[in-house]
C-alpha atoms as a PDB file:
ATOM      1  CA  UNK A   1     184.485 155.768  46.356  1.00  0.00           C
ATOM      2  CA  UNK A   2     187.549 153.615  46.468  1.00  0.00           C
ATOM      3  CA  UNK A   3     186.830 149.848  47.108  1.00  0.00           C
ATOM      4  CA  UNK A   4     189.105 147.740  49.106  1.00  0.00           C
ATOM      5  CA  UNK A   5     188.816 143.908  48.687  1.00  0.00           C
ATOM      6  CA  UNK A   6     189.823 141.478  51.480  1.00  0.00           C
ATOM      7  CA  UNK A   7     190.368 138.254  49.463  1.00  0.00           C
ATOM      8  CA  UNK A   8     191.287 135.506  51.952  1.00  0.00           C
ATOM      9  CA  UNK A   9     190.989 131.834  51.125  1.00  0.00           C
ATOM     10  CA  UNK A  10     192.008 131.376  54.886  1.00  0.00           C
ATOM     11  CA  UNK A  11     190.067 134.055  56.561  1.00  0.00           C
ATOM     12  CA  UNK A  12     191.199 136.438  59.167  1.00  0.00           C
ATOM     13  CA  UNK A  13     189.768 136.028  62.630  1.00  0.00           C
ATOM     14  CA  UNK A  14     186.615 137.923  63.246  1.00  0.00           C
ATOM     15  CA  UNK A  15     188.133 140.627  65.479  1.00  0.00           C
ATOM     16  CA  UNK A  16     190.751 141.280  62.699  1.00  0.00           C
ATOM     17  CA  UNK A  17     187.839 141.704  60.196  1.00  0.00           C
ATOM     18  CA  UNK A  18     185.934 144.108  62.545  1.00  0.00           C
ATOM     19  CA  UNK A  19     189.207 146.212  63.055  1.00  0.00           C
ATOM     20  CA  UNK A  20     189.645 146.399  59.249  1.00  0.00           C
ATOM     21  CA  UNK A  21     186.092 147.463  58.804  1.00  0.00           C
ATOM     22  CA  UNK A  22     186.551 150.200  61.331  1.00  0.00           C
ATOM     23  CA  UNK A  23     189.833 151.597  59.696  1.00  0.00           C
ATOM     24  CA  UNK A  24     188.246 151.415  56.298  1.00  0.00           C
ATOM     25  CA  UNK A  25     184.880 152.932  57.447  1.00  0.00           C
ATOM     26  CA  UNK A  26     186.477 155.887  59.186  1.00  0.00           C
ATOM     27  CA  UNK A  27     188.464 156.683  55.907  1.00  0.00           C
ATOM     28  CA  UNK A  28     185.303 156.748  54.059  1.00  0.00           C
ATOM     29  CA  UNK A  29     186.128 153.728  51.809  1.00  0.00           C
ATOM     30  CA  UNK A  30     184.149 150.775  50.743  1.00  0.00           C
ATOM     31  CA  UNK A  31     184.981 147.251  51.989  1.00  0.00           C
ATOM     32  CA  UNK A  32     184.250 144.048  50.364  1.00  0.00           C
ATOM     33  CA  UNK A  33     184.960 140.484  51.696  1.00  0.00           C
ATOM     34  CA  UNK A  34     185.715 137.312  49.800  1.00  0.00           C
ATOM     35  CA  UNK A  35     186.401 134.685  52.376  1.00  0.00           C
ATOM     36  CA  UNK A  36     186.924 130.914  52.062  1.00  0.00           C
ATOM     37  CA  UNK A  37     186.595 131.033  48.230  1.00  0.00           C
ATOM     38  CA  UNK A  38     186.805 127.705  46.513  1.00  0.00           C
ATOM     39  CA  UNK A  39     187.745 128.665  42.927  1.00  0.00           C
ATOM     40  CA  UNK A  40     189.977 130.774  40.841  1.00  0.00           C
ATOM     41  CA  UNK A  41     186.972 132.223  39.083  1.00  0.00           C
ATOM     42  CA  UNK A  42     185.602 133.654  42.344  1.00  0.00           C
ATOM     43  CA  UNK A  43     188.600 135.542  43.008  1.00  0.00           C
ATOM     44  CA  UNK A  44     188.870 136.922  39.245  1.00  0.00           C
ATOM     45  CA  UNK A  45     185.281 138.032  39.527  1.00  0.00           C
ATOM     46  CA  UNK A  46     185.745 139.705  42.922  1.00  0.00           C
ATOM     47  CA  UNK A  47     188.778 141.764  41.763  1.00  0.00           C
ATOM     48  CA  UNK A  48     187.147 143.261  38.862  1.00  0.00           C
ATOM     49  CA  UNK A  49     186.090 146.505  40.385  1.00  0.00           C
ATOM     50  CA  UNK A  50     188.400 146.858  43.397  1.00  0.00           C
ATOM     51  CA  UNK A  51     191.045 149.572  43.895  1.00  0.00           C
ATOM     52  CA  UNK A  52     192.935 147.856  46.578  1.00  0.00           C
ATOM     53  CA  UNK A  53     193.434 144.312  47.964  1.00  0.00           C
ATOM     54  CA  UNK A  54     194.268 142.767  51.360  1.00  0.00           C
ATOM     55  CA  UNK A  55     195.517 139.166  51.179  1.00  0.00           C
ATOM     56  CA  UNK A  56     197.107 136.584  53.320  1.00  0.00           C
ATOM     57  CA  UNK A  57     198.892 133.537  51.590  1.00  0.00           C
ATOM     58  CA  UNK A  58     196.514 133.879  48.508  1.00  0.00           C
ATOM     59  CA  UNK A  59     198.324 133.523  45.078  1.00  0.00           C
ATOM     60  CA  UNK A  60     198.261 136.690  43.253  1.00  0.00           C
ATOM     61  CA  UNK A  61     199.675 136.600  39.723  1.00  0.00           C
ATOM     62  CA  UNK A  62     199.417 138.282  36.415  1.00  0.00           C
ATOM     63  CA  UNK A  63     195.951 136.705  35.697  1.00  0.00           C
ATOM     64  CA  UNK A  64     194.538 138.345  38.923  1.00  0.00           C
ATOM     65  CA  UNK A  65     196.197 141.759  37.899  1.00  0.00           C
ATOM     66  CA  UNK A  66     194.792 141.536  34.404  1.00  0.00           C
ATOM     67  CA  UNK A  67     191.304 140.941  35.829  1.00  0.00           C
ATOM     68  CA  UNK A  68     191.531 143.942  38.171  1.00  0.00           C
ATOM     69  CA  UNK A  69     191.643 147.039  35.958  1.00  0.00           C
ATOM     70  CA  UNK A  70     191.204 149.475  38.671  1.00  0.00           C
ATOM     71  CA  UNK A  71     193.739 147.969  41.159  1.00  0.00           C
ATOM     72  CA  UNK A  72     196.334 150.275  42.469  1.00  0.00           C
ATOM     73  CA  UNK A  73     197.670 148.454  45.601  1.00  0.00           C
ATOM     74  CA  UNK A  74     197.861 145.009  47.153  1.00  0.00           C
ATOM     75  CA  UNK A  75     198.945 144.489  50.734  1.00  0.00           C
ATOM     76  CA  UNK A  76     200.054 141.223  51.887  1.00  0.00           C
ATOM     77  CA  UNK A  77     199.089 140.866  55.635  1.00  0.00           C
ATOM     78  CA  UNK A  78     202.409 139.401  56.891  1.00  0.00           C
ATOM     79  CA  UNK A  79     206.067 139.492  56.341  1.00  0.00           C
ATOM     80  CA  UNK A  80     206.555 137.039  53.374  1.00  0.00           C
ATOM     81  CA  UNK A  81     205.337 138.102  49.882  1.00  0.00           C
ATOM     82  CA  UNK A  82     206.444 135.366  47.631  1.00  0.00           C
ATOM     83  CA  UNK A  83     202.741 134.510  46.785  1.00  0.00           C
ATOM     84  CA  UNK A  84     202.639 137.829  44.882  1.00  0.00           C
ATOM     85  CA  UNK A  85     204.109 138.184  41.321  1.00  0.00           C
ATOM     86  CA  UNK A  86     206.104 141.341  41.851  1.00  0.00           C
ATOM     87  CA  UNK A  87     207.334 141.631  38.428  1.00  0.00           C
ATOM     88  CA  UNK A  88     203.773 141.591  36.904  1.00  0.00           C
ATOM     89  CA  UNK A  89     202.616 143.989  39.626  1.00  0.00           C
ATOM     90  CA  UNK A  90     205.468 146.367  38.740  1.00  0.00           C
ATOM     91  CA  UNK A  91     204.752 146.153  34.992  1.00  0.00           C
ATOM     92  CA  UNK A  92     201.136 147.046  35.511  1.00  0.00           C
ATOM     93  CA  UNK A  93     202.024 149.978  37.907  1.00  0.00           C
ATOM     94  CA  UNK A  94     200.542 148.303  41.001  1.00  0.00           C
ATOM     95  CA  UNK A  95     202.078 148.844  44.401  1.00  0.00           C
ATOM     96  CA  UNK A  96     202.765 145.750  46.558  1.00  0.00           C
ATOM     97  CA  UNK A  97     203.407 146.053  50.301  1.00  0.00           C
ATOM     98  CA  UNK A  98     203.806 143.686  53.233  1.00  0.00           C
ATOM     99  CA  UNK A  99     203.280 144.401  57.029  1.00  0.00           C
ATOM    100  CA  UNK A 100     206.697 143.832  58.439  1.00  0.00           C
ATOM    101  CA  UNK A 101     206.924 143.106  62.210  1.00  0.00           C
ATOM    102  CA  UNK A 102     203.242 142.513  62.747  1.00  0.00           C
ATOM    103  CA  UNK A 103     203.808 138.700  63.107  1.00  0.00           C
ATOM    104  CA  UNK A 104     207.407 138.906  64.362  1.00  0.00           C
ATOM    105  CA  UNK A 105     206.471 138.044  68.099  1.00  0.00           C
ATOM    106  CA  UNK A 106     204.193 135.224  67.291  1.00  0.00           C
ATOM    107  CA  UNK A 107     206.929 133.662  65.074  1.00  0.00           C
ATOM    108  CA  UNK A 108     209.542 134.106  67.763  1.00  0.00           C
ATOM    109  CA  UNK A 109     207.499 132.468  70.446  1.00  0.00           C
ATOM    110  CA  UNK A 110     207.041 129.516  68.031  1.00  0.00           C
ATOM    111  CA  UNK A 111     210.777 129.304  67.686  1.00  0.00           C
ATOM    112  CA  UNK A 112     211.208 128.914  71.390  1.00  0.00           C
ATOM    113  CA  UNK A 113     208.365 126.571  71.749  1.00  0.00           C
ATOM    114  CA  UNK A 114     209.814 124.338  69.196  1.00  0.00           C
ATOM    115  CA  UNK A 115     213.144 124.453  70.785  1.00  0.00           C
ATOM    116  CA  UNK A 116     211.753 123.449  74.222  1.00  0.00           C
ATOM    117  CA  UNK A 117     209.850 120.673  72.516  1.00  0.00           C
ATOM    118  CA  UNK A 118     212.937 119.393  70.576  1.00  0.00           C
ATOM    119  CA  UNK A 119     215.407 119.730  73.514  1.00  0.00           C
ATOM    120  CA  UNK A 120     212.948 117.631  75.725  1.00  0.00           C
ATOM    121  CA  UNK A 121     213.020 114.940  73.157  1.00  0.00           C
ATOM    122  CA  UNK A 122     209.425 115.759  71.954  1.00  0.00           C
ATOM    123  CA  UNK A 123     208.109 114.899  75.510  1.00  0.00           C
ATOM    124  CA  UNK A 124     208.716 111.055  75.007  1.00  0.00           C
ATOM    125  CA  UNK A 125     209.487 110.596  78.683  1.00  0.00           C
ATOM    126  CA  UNK A 126     213.286 110.431  78.383  1.00  0.00           C
ATOM    127  CA  UNK A 127     215.706 112.921  79.800  1.00  0.00           C
ATOM    128  CA  UNK A 128     216.124 115.869  77.713  1.00  0.00           C
ATOM    129  CA  UNK A 129     218.454 118.963  77.830  1.00  0.00           C
ATOM    130  CA  UNK A 130     217.939 122.601  79.081  1.00  0.00           C
ATOM    131  CA  UNK A 131     218.273 125.717  76.858  1.00  0.00           C
ATOM    132  CA  UNK A 132     219.956 127.750  79.542  1.00  0.00           C
ATOM    133  CA  UNK A 133     223.702 128.188  78.666  1.00  0.00           C
ATOM    134  CA  UNK A 134     223.266 127.012  75.019  1.00  0.00           C
ATOM    135  CA  UNK A 135     224.541 129.143  72.126  1.00  0.00           C
ATOM    136  CA  UNK A 136     221.839 130.225  69.765  1.00  0.00           C
ATOM    137  CA  UNK A 137     222.722 131.363  66.383  1.00  0.00           C
ATOM    138  CA  UNK A 138     220.314 133.687  64.291  1.00  0.00           C
ATOM    139  CA  UNK A 139     220.648 133.667  60.592  1.00  0.00           C
ATOM    140  CA  UNK A 140     219.325 137.183  59.888  1.00  0.00           C
ATOM    141  CA  UNK A 141     218.584 139.793  62.473  1.00  0.00           C
ATOM    142  CA  UNK A 142     215.410 141.480  61.311  1.00  0.00           C
ATOM    143  CA  UNK A 143     212.105 141.748  63.205  1.00  0.00           C
ATOM    144  CA  UNK A 144     211.697 138.099  63.887  1.00  0.00           C
ATOM    145  CA  UNK A 145     215.353 137.531  64.732  1.00  0.00           C
ATOM    146  CA  UNK A 146     215.307 140.409  67.337  1.00  0.00           C
ATOM    147  CA  UNK A 147     212.222 139.044  69.026  1.00  0.00           C
ATOM    148  CA  UNK A 148     213.808 135.697  69.171  1.00  0.00           C
ATOM    149  CA  UNK A 149     216.853 137.253  70.818  1.00  0.00           C
ATOM    150  CA  UNK A 150     214.632 139.105  73.386  1.00  0.00           C
ATOM    151  CA  UNK A 151     212.792 135.939  74.443  1.00  0.00           C
ATOM    152  CA  UNK A 152     215.941 133.634  74.378  1.00  0.00           C
ATOM    153  CA  UNK A 153     217.700 136.061  76.786  1.00  0.00           C
ATOM    154  CA  UNK A 154     215.111 135.054  79.269  1.00  0.00           C
ATOM    155  CA  UNK A 155     216.115 131.409  78.975  1.00  0.00           C
ATOM    156  CA  UNK A 156     219.654 132.419  79.845  1.00  0.00           C
ATOM    157  CA  UNK A 157     220.995 131.630  76.292  1.00  0.00           C
ATOM    158  CA  UNK A 158     224.100 132.975  74.619  1.00  0.00           C
ATOM    159  CA  UNK A 159     222.971 134.668  71.370  1.00  0.00           C
ATOM    160  CA  UNK A 160     224.935 135.197  68.190  1.00  0.00           C
ATOM    161  CA  UNK A 161     223.773 136.410  64.764  1.00  0.00           C
ATOM    162  CA  UNK A 162     224.907 136.811  61.105  1.00  0.00           C
ATOM    163  CA  UNK A 163     223.195 139.458  59.002  1.00  0.00           C
ATOM    164  CA  UNK A 164     225.265 141.194  56.417  1.00  0.00           C
ATOM    165  CA  UNK A 165     222.602 143.993  56.209  1.00  0.00           C
ATOM    166  CA  UNK A 166     222.506 144.729  59.947  1.00  0.00           C
ATOM    167  CA  UNK A 167     225.320 146.721  61.528  1.00  0.00           C
ATOM    168  CA  UNK A 168     227.246 145.063  64.180  1.00  0.00           C
ATOM    169  CA  UNK A 169     226.636 147.734  66.739  1.00  0.00           C
ATOM    170  CA  UNK A 170     222.838 147.291  66.386  1.00  0.00           C
ATOM    171  CA  UNK A 171     223.304 143.690  67.451  1.00  0.00           C
ATOM    172  CA  UNK A 172     225.653 144.459  70.244  1.00  0.00           C
ATOM    173  CA  UNK A 173     223.502 147.048  71.622  1.00  0.00           C
ATOM    174  CA  UNK A 174     221.003 144.282  72.603  1.00  0.00           C
ATOM    175  CA  UNK A 175     223.534 141.922  73.893  1.00  0.00           C
ATOM    176  CA  UNK A 176     223.898 139.901  70.612  1.00  0.00           C
ATOM    177  CA  UNK A 177     227.288 138.899  69.328  1.00  0.00           C
ATOM    178  CA  UNK A 178     227.765 139.361  65.610  1.00  0.00           C
ATOM    179  CA  UNK A 179     229.689 136.690  63.899  1.00  0.00           C
ATOM    180  CA  UNK A 180     231.798 137.018  60.712  1.00  0.00           C
ATOM    181  CA  UNK A 181     229.774 134.761  58.405  1.00  0.00           C
ATOM    182  CA  UNK A 182     227.201 132.096  57.821  1.00  0.00           C
ATOM    183  CA  UNK A 183     229.819 129.162  58.066  1.00  0.00           C
ATOM    184  CA  UNK A 184     230.967 130.627  61.447  1.00  0.00           C
ATOM    185  CA  UNK A 185     227.405 130.640  62.856  1.00  0.00           C
ATOM    186  CA  UNK A 186     226.817 127.056  61.851  1.00  0.00           C
ATOM    187  CA  UNK A 187     230.132 125.858  63.162  1.00  0.00           C
ATOM    188  CA  UNK A 188     229.970 127.525  66.612  1.00  0.00           C
ATOM    189  CA  UNK A 189     226.338 127.362  67.776  1.00  0.00           C
ATOM    190  CA  UNK A 190     224.455 124.758  69.442  1.00  0.00           C
ATOM    191  CA  UNK A 191     221.195 125.878  67.694  1.00  0.00           C
ATOM    192  CA  UNK A 192     220.844 127.636  64.373  1.00  0.00           C
ATOM    193  CA  UNK A 193     217.444 129.498  63.619  1.00  0.00           C
ATOM    194  CA  UNK A 194     216.729 130.577  60.111  1.00  0.00           C
ATOM    195  CA  UNK A 195     214.999 133.890  59.388  1.00  0.00           C
ATOM    196  CA  UNK A 196     216.041 134.653  55.906  1.00  0.00           C
ATOM    197  CA  UNK A 197     213.667 135.241  52.978  1.00  0.00           C
ATOM    198  CA  UNK A 198     213.490 133.055  49.978  1.00  0.00           C
ATOM    199  CA  UNK A 199     215.442 134.921  47.243  1.00  0.00           C
ATOM    200  CA  UNK A 200     217.548 133.806  44.242  1.00  0.00           C
ATOM    201  CA  UNK A 201     220.594 134.154  46.503  1.00  0.00           C
ATOM    202  CA  UNK A 202     219.250 132.160  49.614  1.00  0.00           C
ATOM    203  CA  UNK A 203     217.260 129.310  47.883  1.00  0.00           C
ATOM    204  CA  UNK A 204     218.918 126.003  48.933  1.00  0.00           C
ATOM    205  CA  UNK A 205     221.644 128.105  50.621  1.00  0.00           C
ATOM    206  CA  UNK A 206     221.426 125.839  53.722  1.00  0.00           C
ATOM    207  CA  UNK A 207     223.092 122.945  52.190  1.00  0.00           C
ATOM    208  CA  UNK A 208     224.953 119.683  53.031  1.00  0.00           C
ATOM    209  CA  UNK A 209     228.388 121.104  53.388  1.00  0.00           C
ATOM    210  CA  UNK A 210     227.099 123.879  55.785  1.00  0.00           C
ATOM    211  CA  UNK A 211     224.922 121.537  57.906  1.00  0.00           C
ATOM    212  CA  UNK A 212     227.883 119.167  58.273  1.00  0.00           C
ATOM    213  CA  UNK A 213     229.786 121.920  59.896  1.00  0.00           C
ATOM    214  CA  UNK A 214     227.359 122.039  62.895  1.00  0.00           C
ATOM    215  CA  UNK A 215     228.420 120.987  66.395  1.00  0.00           C
ATOM    216  CA  UNK A 216     227.695 117.612  67.917  1.00  0.00           C
ATOM    217  CA  UNK A 217     224.041 117.506  68.938  1.00  0.00           C
ATOM    218  CA  UNK A 218     223.112 120.664  67.121  1.00  0.00           C
ATOM    219  CA  UNK A 219     219.700 121.667  66.109  1.00  0.00           C
ATOM    220  CA  UNK A 220     218.597 123.379  63.007  1.00  0.00           C
ATOM    221  CA  UNK A 221     215.305 125.262  63.170  1.00  0.00           C
ATOM    222  CA  UNK A 222     213.326 126.883  60.301  1.00  0.00           C
ATOM    223  CA  UNK A 223     210.432 129.212  60.644  1.00  0.00           C
ATOM    224  CA  UNK A 224     211.358 131.075  57.388  1.00  0.00           C
ATOM    225  CA  UNK A 225     210.654 129.391  54.022  1.00  0.00           C
ATOM    226  CA  UNK A 226     211.288 125.826  53.087  1.00  0.00           C
ATOM    227  CA  UNK A 227     212.944 126.840  49.795  1.00  0.00           C
ATOM    228  CA  UNK A 228     216.102 128.044  51.652  1.00  0.00           C
ATOM    229  CA  UNK A 229     216.891 124.537  52.828  1.00  0.00           C
ATOM    230  CA  UNK A 230     218.401 122.049  50.329  1.00  0.00           C
ATOM    231  CA  UNK A 231     216.163 119.257  51.566  1.00  0.00           C
ATOM    232  CA  UNK A 232     218.319 116.341  49.852  1.00  0.00           C
ATOM    233  CA  UNK A 233     221.449 117.749  51.337  1.00  0.00           C
ATOM    234  CA  UNK A 234     219.834 118.086  54.861  1.00  0.00           C
ATOM    235  CA  UNK A 235     218.342 114.610  54.735  1.00  0.00           C
ATOM    236  CA  UNK A 236     221.711 113.278  53.623  1.00  0.00           C
ATOM    237  CA  UNK A 237     223.516 115.119  56.520  1.00  0.00           C
ATOM    238  CA  UNK A 238     221.008 113.844  59.188  1.00  0.00           C
ATOM    239  CA  UNK A 239     221.488 110.248  57.806  1.00  0.00           C
ATOM    240  CA  UNK A 240     225.082 110.635  58.309  1.00  0.00           C
ATOM    241  CA  UNK A 241     224.833 112.567  61.560  1.00  0.00           C
ATOM    242  CA  UNK A 242     222.491 110.976  63.826  1.00  0.00           C
ATOM    243  CA  UNK A 243     223.148 113.602  66.521  1.00  0.00           C
ATOM    244  CA  UNK A 244     221.427 116.358  64.408  1.00  0.00           C
ATOM    245  CA  UNK A 245     217.724 117.470  64.835  1.00  0.00           C
ATOM    246  CA  UNK A 246     215.634 119.482  62.458  1.00  0.00           C
ATOM    247  CA  UNK A 247     212.570 121.431  63.651  1.00  0.00           C
ATOM    248  CA  UNK A 248     210.346 123.359  61.282  1.00  0.00           C
ATOM    249  CA  UNK A 249     206.921 124.910  60.650  1.00  0.00           C
ATOM    250  CA  UNK A 250     207.389 124.837  56.911  1.00  0.00           C
ATOM    251  CA  UNK A 251     206.910 121.173  56.181  1.00  0.00           C
ATOM    252  CA  UNK A 252     209.427 119.840  53.575  1.00  0.00           C
ATOM    253  CA  UNK A 253     208.291 118.453  50.189  1.00  0.00           C
ATOM    254  CA  UNK A 254     210.048 115.290  51.429  1.00  0.00           C
ATOM    255  CA  UNK A 255     208.339 115.247  54.703  1.00  0.00           C
ATOM    256  CA  UNK A 256     207.672 111.534  54.626  1.00  0.00           C
ATOM    257  CA  UNK A 257     211.365 110.750  53.965  1.00  0.00           C
ATOM    258  CA  UNK A 258     212.404 112.815  56.946  1.00  0.00           C
ATOM    259  CA  UNK A 259     209.688 111.160  59.277  1.00  0.00           C
ATOM    260  CA  UNK A 260     210.793 107.611  58.224  1.00  0.00           C
ATOM    261  CA  UNK A 261     214.640 108.099  58.254  1.00  0.00           C
ATOM    262  CA  UNK A 262     214.939 110.528  61.210  1.00  0.00           C
ATOM    263  CA  UNK A 263     212.695 109.352  63.914  1.00  0.00           C
ATOM    264  CA  UNK A 264     213.067 111.291  67.186  1.00  0.00           C
ATOM    265  CA  UNK A 265     215.168 113.932  65.431  1.00  0.00           C
ATOM    266  CA  UNK A 266     212.666 115.581  63.179  1.00  0.00           C
ATOM    267  CA  UNK A 267     209.409 117.621  63.646  1.00  0.00           C
ATOM    268  CA  UNK A 268     207.214 119.611  61.295  1.00  0.00           C
ATOM    269  CA  UNK A 269     203.975 121.340  62.108  1.00  0.00           C
ATOM    270  CA  UNK A 270     201.020 120.305  60.177  1.00  0.00           C
ATOM    271  CA  UNK A 271     201.048 123.662  58.294  1.00  0.00           C
ATOM    272  CA  UNK A 272     203.001 126.875  58.592  1.00  0.00           C
ATOM    273  CA  UNK A 273     201.912 128.168  61.993  1.00  0.00           C
ATOM    274  CA  UNK A 274     204.326 131.035  62.739  1.00  0.00           C
ATOM    275  CA  UNK A 275     201.776 133.777  62.421  1.00  0.00           C
ATOM    276  CA  UNK A 276     198.761 131.600  63.632  1.00  0.00           C
ATOM    277  CA  UNK A 277     197.897 133.593  66.654  1.00  0.00           C
ATOM    278  CA  UNK A 278     194.940 135.714  67.188  1.00  0.00           C
ATOM    279  CA  UNK A 279     197.064 138.700  68.017  1.00  0.00           C
ATOM    280  CA  UNK A 280     199.256 138.333  64.958  1.00  0.00           C
ATOM    281  CA  UNK A 281     196.223 137.710  62.793  1.00  0.00           C
ATOM    282  CA  UNK A 282     194.587 140.996  64.018  1.00  0.00           C
ATOM    283  CA  UNK A 283     197.801 143.141  63.912  1.00  0.00           C
ATOM    284  CA  UNK A 284     198.554 142.261  60.455  1.00  0.00           C
ATOM    285  CA  UNK A 285     195.017 142.742  59.022  1.00  0.00           C
ATOM    286  CA  UNK A 286     194.671 146.092  60.577  1.00  0.00           C
ATOM    287  CA  UNK A 287     197.951 147.243  59.618  1.00  0.00           C
ATOM    288  CA  UNK A 288     197.208 146.288  55.950  1.00  0.00           C
ATOM    289  CA  UNK A 289     194.152 148.340  56.102  1.00  0.00           C
ATOM    290  CA  UNK A 290     195.988 151.362  57.625  1.00  0.00           C
ATOM    291  CA  UNK A 291     198.710 151.273  54.908  1.00  0.00           C
ATOM    292  CA  UNK A 292     196.045 151.226  52.172  1.00  0.00           C
ATOM    293  CA  UNK A 293     194.392 154.297  53.808  1.00  0.00           C
ATOM    294  CA  UNK A 294     197.669 156.128  53.989  1.00  0.00           C
ATOM    295  CA  UNK A 295     198.369 155.255  50.324  1.00  0.00           C
ATOM    296  CA  UNK A 296     195.172 156.714  49.177  1.00  0.00           C
ATOM    297  CA  UNK A 297     195.189 159.642  51.450  1.00  0.00           C
ATOM    298  CA  UNK A 298     198.851 160.713  51.495  1.00  0.00           C
ATOM    299  CA  UNK A 299     200.630 158.581  48.755  1.00  0.00           C
ATOM    300  CA  UNK A 300     202.585 156.723  51.449  1.00  0.00           C
ATOM    301  CA  UNK A 301     204.572 153.818  50.015  1.00  0.00           C
ATOM    302  CA  UNK A 302     206.661 153.115  53.085  1.00  0.00           C
ATOM    303  CA  UNK A 303     206.307 149.362  52.995  1.00  0.00           C
ATOM    304  CA  UNK A 304     206.431 148.883  49.178  1.00  0.00           C
ATOM    305  CA  UNK A 305     208.345 145.679  48.235  1.00  0.00           C
ATOM    306  CA  UNK A 306     208.360 146.066  44.453  1.00  0.00           C
ATOM    307  CA  UNK A 307     210.228 149.330  44.023  1.00  0.00           C
END
């Protein structure tokens, strides 16, 4: 009997665990739980006899793969997978998947929540601004970006997007105006929301020169990855442009500097919270279990990220 290990330093909600158990049980597979583990050794011992793993933000590297001689597949319950060493997994013939789209609505709702919070001056009692009529620019138009656009339409916002991998007609079909490039997005929008992954091409791609092109009173919002923003460049721009705001749920390494130097124009959540809803937590966990079952039963690798 194949064994699936759920290894989560930060556990799934109980309803998600119950859903995973049901999916795994109906498929005739064995389930093991390693929740709230406190040492690397606990993880290495737990993976020794598992055939599959479901993880969240847990760090899975070659040391873990080396300790898991039976491991065939790892599914990261969520969209991002930079916590998994893809090169090491590929070298050892291990399939790595994510669960795209399962957290998308949760992240999108957070984007609009942060925007209302920022536009109302963090509810400090002063007069803020409304989102209606503002021009929102989406940098990438994947699952999260599309959900942000859907919700933003309800606020009466004008929506633009730049995504070199998404055809213009796909954007236009849902009332989103495609723009010609990243610089155009930053120069013409009142708000720019980042939805790009952290890759060699995108790391620190949101830099000083780009940020300085933003409109007066513009807001930059990041619910993607902190690595895509050049923090030094952003801080420099915000010190030169006191009209800019930065809202994020991926706290910068230089958080204290932003807090001290950008009072009233900067906000970061205590931890990454985009997917921190009961619904997203449950959806991603159950999706991960279903993908593992499909992999073992039918060889399905639809969501593999290390091809």
